[in-house]
Amino acid sequence: MTEKRLSLGKRGEELAAALLRKSGYRILETNYRGKLGEIDLIAEEGRCLVFVEVKTRSGLECGHPLEGIDSRKQRQLVRAAREYMARENCQERVCRFDAVSVLTDGAAPRLELVKNIIELDGDFF
C-alpha cells in the first residue's frame, strides 16, 4: 500500500473516531489486529459493543466508500470480532457492526455513519 493511501486511511479513521465520540460512542480500541483479521475501531454505544469498519476515499472514481464492504470483508470482520470477543471473554455481550464512510473530495470531508451493516443470524458464536 502506498504512503499516500496509508495516510488517507489513517486520517479517515481519526475523523471517524471523532464522529463516533461526538455521537456518544466510547472508543475502546483502534486498529485491532488479531490472527483472524483487523478491525478499524472497537467502541461501545451504551451497553452495545460496536465493531466499526472505516472506508475512506478521495473521490468516487472507484465507487462510494461503503461499496468496499463486500461479503468477503464482512466475513473477515465477523471472524475478527469473534476472536476479539473470545480474547476479552465477552461473548455474551450484545454487539453489532457499524461503518463510517469518509469522502475527502471536497473542501471539507464528508462522513456518514451507518449502523448495523452486517445482519447476524442467531449463530454469531
C-alpha atoms as a PDB file:
ATOM      1  CA  MET A   1       0.000   0.000   0.000  1.00  0.00           C
ATOM      2  CA  THR A   2       1.361   3.425  -0.895  1.00  0.00           C
ATOM      3  CA  GLU A   3       2.233   6.027   1.707  1.00  0.00           C
ATOM      4  CA  LYS A   4      -0.493   8.299   0.308  1.00  0.00           C
ATOM      5  CA  ARG A   5      -3.183   5.597   0.751  1.00  0.00           C
ATOM      6  CA  LEU A   6      -1.956   4.772   4.266  1.00  0.00           C
ATOM      7  CA  SER A   7      -2.084   8.451   5.190  1.00  0.00           C
ATOM      8  CA  LEU A   8      -5.588   8.802   3.707  1.00  0.00           C
ATOM      9  CA  GLY A   9      -6.792   5.754   5.663  1.00  0.00           C
ATOM     10  CA  LYS A  10      -5.258   6.961   8.925  1.00  0.00           C
ATOM     11  CA  ARG A  11      -6.851  10.401   8.503  1.00  0.00           C
ATOM     12  CA  GLY A  12     -10.207   8.770   7.753  1.00  0.00           C
ATOM     13  CA  GLU A  13     -10.004   6.656  10.913  1.00  0.00           C
ATOM     14  CA  GLU A  14      -9.189   9.741  13.007  1.00  0.00           C
ATOM     15  CA  LEU A  15     -12.179  11.612  11.549  1.00  0.00           C
ATOM     16  CA  ALA A  16     -14.417   8.569  12.077  1.00  0.00           C
ATOM     17  CA  ALA A  17     -13.339   8.220  15.716  1.00  0.00           C
ATOM     18  CA  ALA A  18     -14.123  11.905  16.304  1.00  0.00           C
ATOM     19  CA  LEU A  19     -17.567  11.465  14.718  1.00  0.00           C
ATOM     20  CA  LEU A  20     -18.274   8.416  16.870  1.00  0.00           C
ATOM     21  CA  ARG A  21     -17.237  10.227  20.051  1.00  0.00           C
ATOM     22  CA  LYS A  22     -19.473  13.152  19.109  1.00  0.00           C
ATOM     23  CA  SER A  23     -22.299  10.633  18.553  1.00  0.00           C
ATOM     24  CA  GLY A  24     -21.887   9.202  22.060  1.00  0.00           C
ATOM     25  CA  TYR A  25     -19.662   6.213  21.388  1.00  0.00           C
ATOM     26  CA  ARG A  26     -16.729   5.367  23.653  1.00  0.00           C
ATOM     27  CA  ILE A  27     -13.690   4.178  21.675  1.00  0.00           C
ATOM     28  CA  LEU A  28     -12.121   1.069  23.218  1.00  0.00           C
ATOM     29  CA  GLU A  29      -9.516   0.154  20.597  1.00  0.00           C
ATOM     30  CA  THR A  30      -8.152   1.462  17.338  1.00  0.00           C
ATOM     31  CA  ASN A  31      -6.642  -0.749  14.650  1.00  0.00           C
ATOM     32  CA  TYR A  32      -7.241  -4.053  16.432  1.00  0.00           C
ATOM     33  CA  ARG A  33      -5.162  -6.748  14.776  1.00  0.00           C
ATOM     34  CA  GLY A  34      -5.689 -10.380  15.622  1.00  0.00           C
ATOM     35  CA  LYS A  35      -4.712 -13.621  13.937  1.00  0.00           C
ATOM     36  CA  LEU A  36      -8.032 -13.702  12.070  1.00  0.00           C
ATOM     37  CA  GLY A  37      -8.212 -10.136  10.870  1.00  0.00           C
ATOM     38  CA  GLU A  38      -8.262  -6.451  11.623  1.00  0.00           C
ATOM     39  CA  ILE A  39     -10.957  -4.089  12.885  1.00  0.00           C
ATOM     40  CA  ASP A  40     -10.534  -0.347  12.442  1.00  0.00           C
ATOM     41  CA  LEU A  41     -12.361   0.766  15.598  1.00  0.00           C
ATOM     42  CA  ILE A  42     -13.955  -1.056  18.511  1.00  0.00           C
ATOM     43  CA  ALA A  43     -16.330   1.034  20.580  1.00  0.00           C
ATOM     44  CA  GLU A  44     -19.254   0.970  22.954  1.00  0.00           C
ATOM     45  CA  GLU A  45     -22.543   2.708  22.437  1.00  0.00           C
ATOM     46  CA  GLY A  46     -24.456   2.308  25.644  1.00  0.00           C
ATOM     47  CA  ARG A  47     -24.221  -1.377  26.537  1.00  0.00           C
ATOM     48  CA  CYS A  48     -23.599  -2.459  22.932  1.00  0.00           C
ATOM     49  CA  LEU A  49     -20.135  -3.467  21.728  1.00  0.00           C
ATOM     50  CA  VAL A  50     -19.649  -2.000  18.251  1.00  0.00           C
ATOM     51  CA  PHE A  51     -17.131  -3.102  15.630  1.00  0.00           C
ATOM     52  CA  VAL A  52     -16.581  -0.283  13.146  1.00  0.00           C
ATOM     53  CA  GLU A  53     -15.203  -0.506   9.622  1.00  0.00           C
ATOM     54  CA  VAL A  54     -13.942   2.790   8.195  1.00  0.00           C
ATOM     55  CA  LYS A  55     -13.730   3.276   4.435  1.00  0.00           C
ATOM     56  CA  THR A  56     -12.029   6.400   3.152  1.00  0.00           C
ATOM     57  CA  ARG A  57     -11.786   7.552  -0.438  1.00  0.00           C
ATOM     58  CA  SER A  58     -10.581  10.734  -2.071  1.00  0.00           C
ATOM     59  CA  GLY A  59     -13.183  10.540  -4.835  1.00  0.00           C
ATOM     60  CA  LEU A  60     -15.949   8.438  -6.292  1.00  0.00           C
ATOM     61  CA  GLU A  61     -13.991   7.088  -9.269  1.00  0.00           C
ATOM     62  CA  CYS A  62     -13.948   3.647  -7.611  1.00  0.00           C
ATOM     63  CA  GLY A  63     -17.472   3.971  -6.207  1.00  0.00           C
ATOM     64  CA  HIS A  64     -18.841   5.004  -2.836  1.00  0.00           C
ATOM     65  CA  PRO A  65     -16.592   4.089   0.112  1.00  0.00           C
ATOM     66  CA  LEU A  66     -19.149   1.707   1.620  1.00  0.00           C
ATOM     67  CA  GLU A  67     -19.177  -0.371  -1.573  1.00  0.00           C
ATOM     68  CA  GLY A  68     -15.826  -1.700  -0.354  1.00  0.00           C
ATOM     69  CA  ILE A  69     -17.536  -3.646   2.428  1.00  0.00           C
ATOM     70  CA  ASP A  70     -18.378  -6.676   0.322  1.00  0.00           C
ATOM     71  CA  SER A  71     -19.310 -10.166   1.533  1.00  0.00           C
ATOM     72  CA  ARG A  72     -15.647 -11.197   1.832  1.00  0.00           C
ATOM     73  CA  LYS A  73     -14.887  -8.166   4.005  1.00  0.00           C
ATOM     74  CA  GLN A  74     -17.983  -8.834   6.105  1.00  0.00           C
ATOM     75  CA  ARG A  75     -16.874 -12.428   6.775  1.00  0.00           C
ATOM     76  CA  GLN A  76     -13.411 -11.177   7.768  1.00  0.00           C
ATOM     77  CA  LEU A  77     -14.935  -8.627  10.166  1.00  0.00           C
ATOM     78  CA  VAL A  78     -17.108 -11.282  11.811  1.00  0.00           C
ATOM     79  CA  ARG A  79     -14.119 -13.622  12.259  1.00  0.00           C
ATOM     80  CA  ALA A  80     -12.018 -10.839  13.787  1.00  0.00           C
ATOM     81  CA  ALA A  81     -14.899  -9.794  16.067  1.00  0.00           C
ATOM     82  CA  ARG A  82     -15.348 -13.378  17.286  1.00  0.00           C
ATOM     83  CA  GLU A  83     -11.637 -13.561  18.028  1.00  0.00           C
ATOM     84  CA  TYR A  84     -11.720 -10.240  19.912  1.00  0.00           C
ATOM     85  CA  MET A  85     -14.751 -11.251  21.977  1.00  0.00           C
ATOM     86  CA  ALA A  86     -13.171 -14.590  22.886  1.00  0.00           C
ATOM     87  CA  ARG A  87      -9.914 -12.872  23.845  1.00  0.00           C
ATOM     88  CA  GLU A  88     -11.767 -10.358  26.001  1.00  0.00           C
ATOM     89  CA  ASN A  89     -14.125 -13.039  27.387  1.00  0.00           C
ATOM     90  CA  CYS A  90     -17.186 -11.031  26.406  1.00  0.00           C
ATOM     91  CA  GLN A  91     -19.017 -13.476  24.124  1.00  0.00           C
ATOM     92  CA  GLU A  92     -22.301 -12.772  25.934  1.00  0.00           C
ATOM     93  CA  ARG A  93     -22.308  -9.067  25.067  1.00  0.00           C
ATOM     94  CA  VAL A  94     -24.711  -7.620  22.568  1.00  0.00           C
ATOM     95  CA  CYS A  95     -22.739  -6.448  19.558  1.00  0.00           C
ATOM     96  CA  ARG A  96     -23.205  -5.007  16.110  1.00  0.00           C
ATOM     97  CA  PHE A  97     -21.192  -3.845  13.121  1.00  0.00           C
ATOM     98  CA  ASP A  98     -21.252  -0.213  12.012  1.00  0.00           C
ATOM     99  CA  ALA A  99     -19.423   1.566   9.219  1.00  0.00           C
ATOM    100  CA  VAL A 100     -18.202   5.080   8.614  1.00  0.00           C
ATOM    101  CA  SER A 101     -17.597   6.322   5.104  1.00  0.00           C
ATOM    102  CA  VAL A 102     -15.222   9.228   4.676  1.00  0.00           C
ATOM    103  CA  LEU A 103     -15.116  11.080   1.378  1.00  0.00           C
ATOM    104  CA  THR A 104     -12.382  13.697   1.029  1.00  0.00           C
ATOM    105  CA  ASP A 105     -13.112  15.005  -2.471  1.00  0.00           C
ATOM    106  CA  GLY A 106     -14.235  18.488  -1.408  1.00  0.00           C
ATOM    107  CA  ALA A 107     -13.180  21.342   0.807  1.00  0.00           C
ATOM    108  CA  ALA A 108     -14.365  19.517   3.923  1.00  0.00           C
ATOM    109  CA  PRO A 109     -14.514  15.738   4.417  1.00  0.00           C
ATOM    110  CA  ARG A 110     -17.992  14.203   4.272  1.00  0.00           C
ATOM    111  CA  LEU A 111     -18.686  11.490   6.835  1.00  0.00           C
ATOM    112  CA  GLU A 112     -21.579   9.069   7.017  1.00  0.00           C
ATOM    113  CA  LEU A 113     -22.264   6.686   9.893  1.00  0.00           C
ATOM    114  CA  VAL A 114     -24.251   3.572   9.014  1.00  0.00           C
ATOM    115  CA  LYS A 115     -25.348   1.341  11.868  1.00  0.00           C
ATOM    116  CA  ASN A 116     -25.822  -2.418  11.655  1.00  0.00           C
ATOM    117  CA  ILE A 117     -24.116  -3.035   8.321  1.00  0.00           C
ATOM    118  CA  ILE A 118     -23.966  -6.805   8.856  1.00  0.00           C
ATOM    119  CA  GLU A 119     -27.068  -8.828   9.601  1.00  0.00           C
ATOM    120  CA  LEU A 120     -26.114 -11.504  12.090  1.00  0.00           C
ATOM    121  CA  ASP A 121     -28.153 -14.638  12.316  1.00  0.00           C
ATOM    122  CA  GLY A 122     -28.674 -16.075  15.792  1.00  0.00           C
ATOM    123  CA  ASP A 123     -25.492 -18.133  15.485  1.00  0.00           C
ATOM    124  CA  PHE A 124     -22.785 -15.486  15.861  1.00  0.00           C
ATOM    125  CA  PHE A 125     -20.708 -17.842  18.039  1.00  0.00           C
END
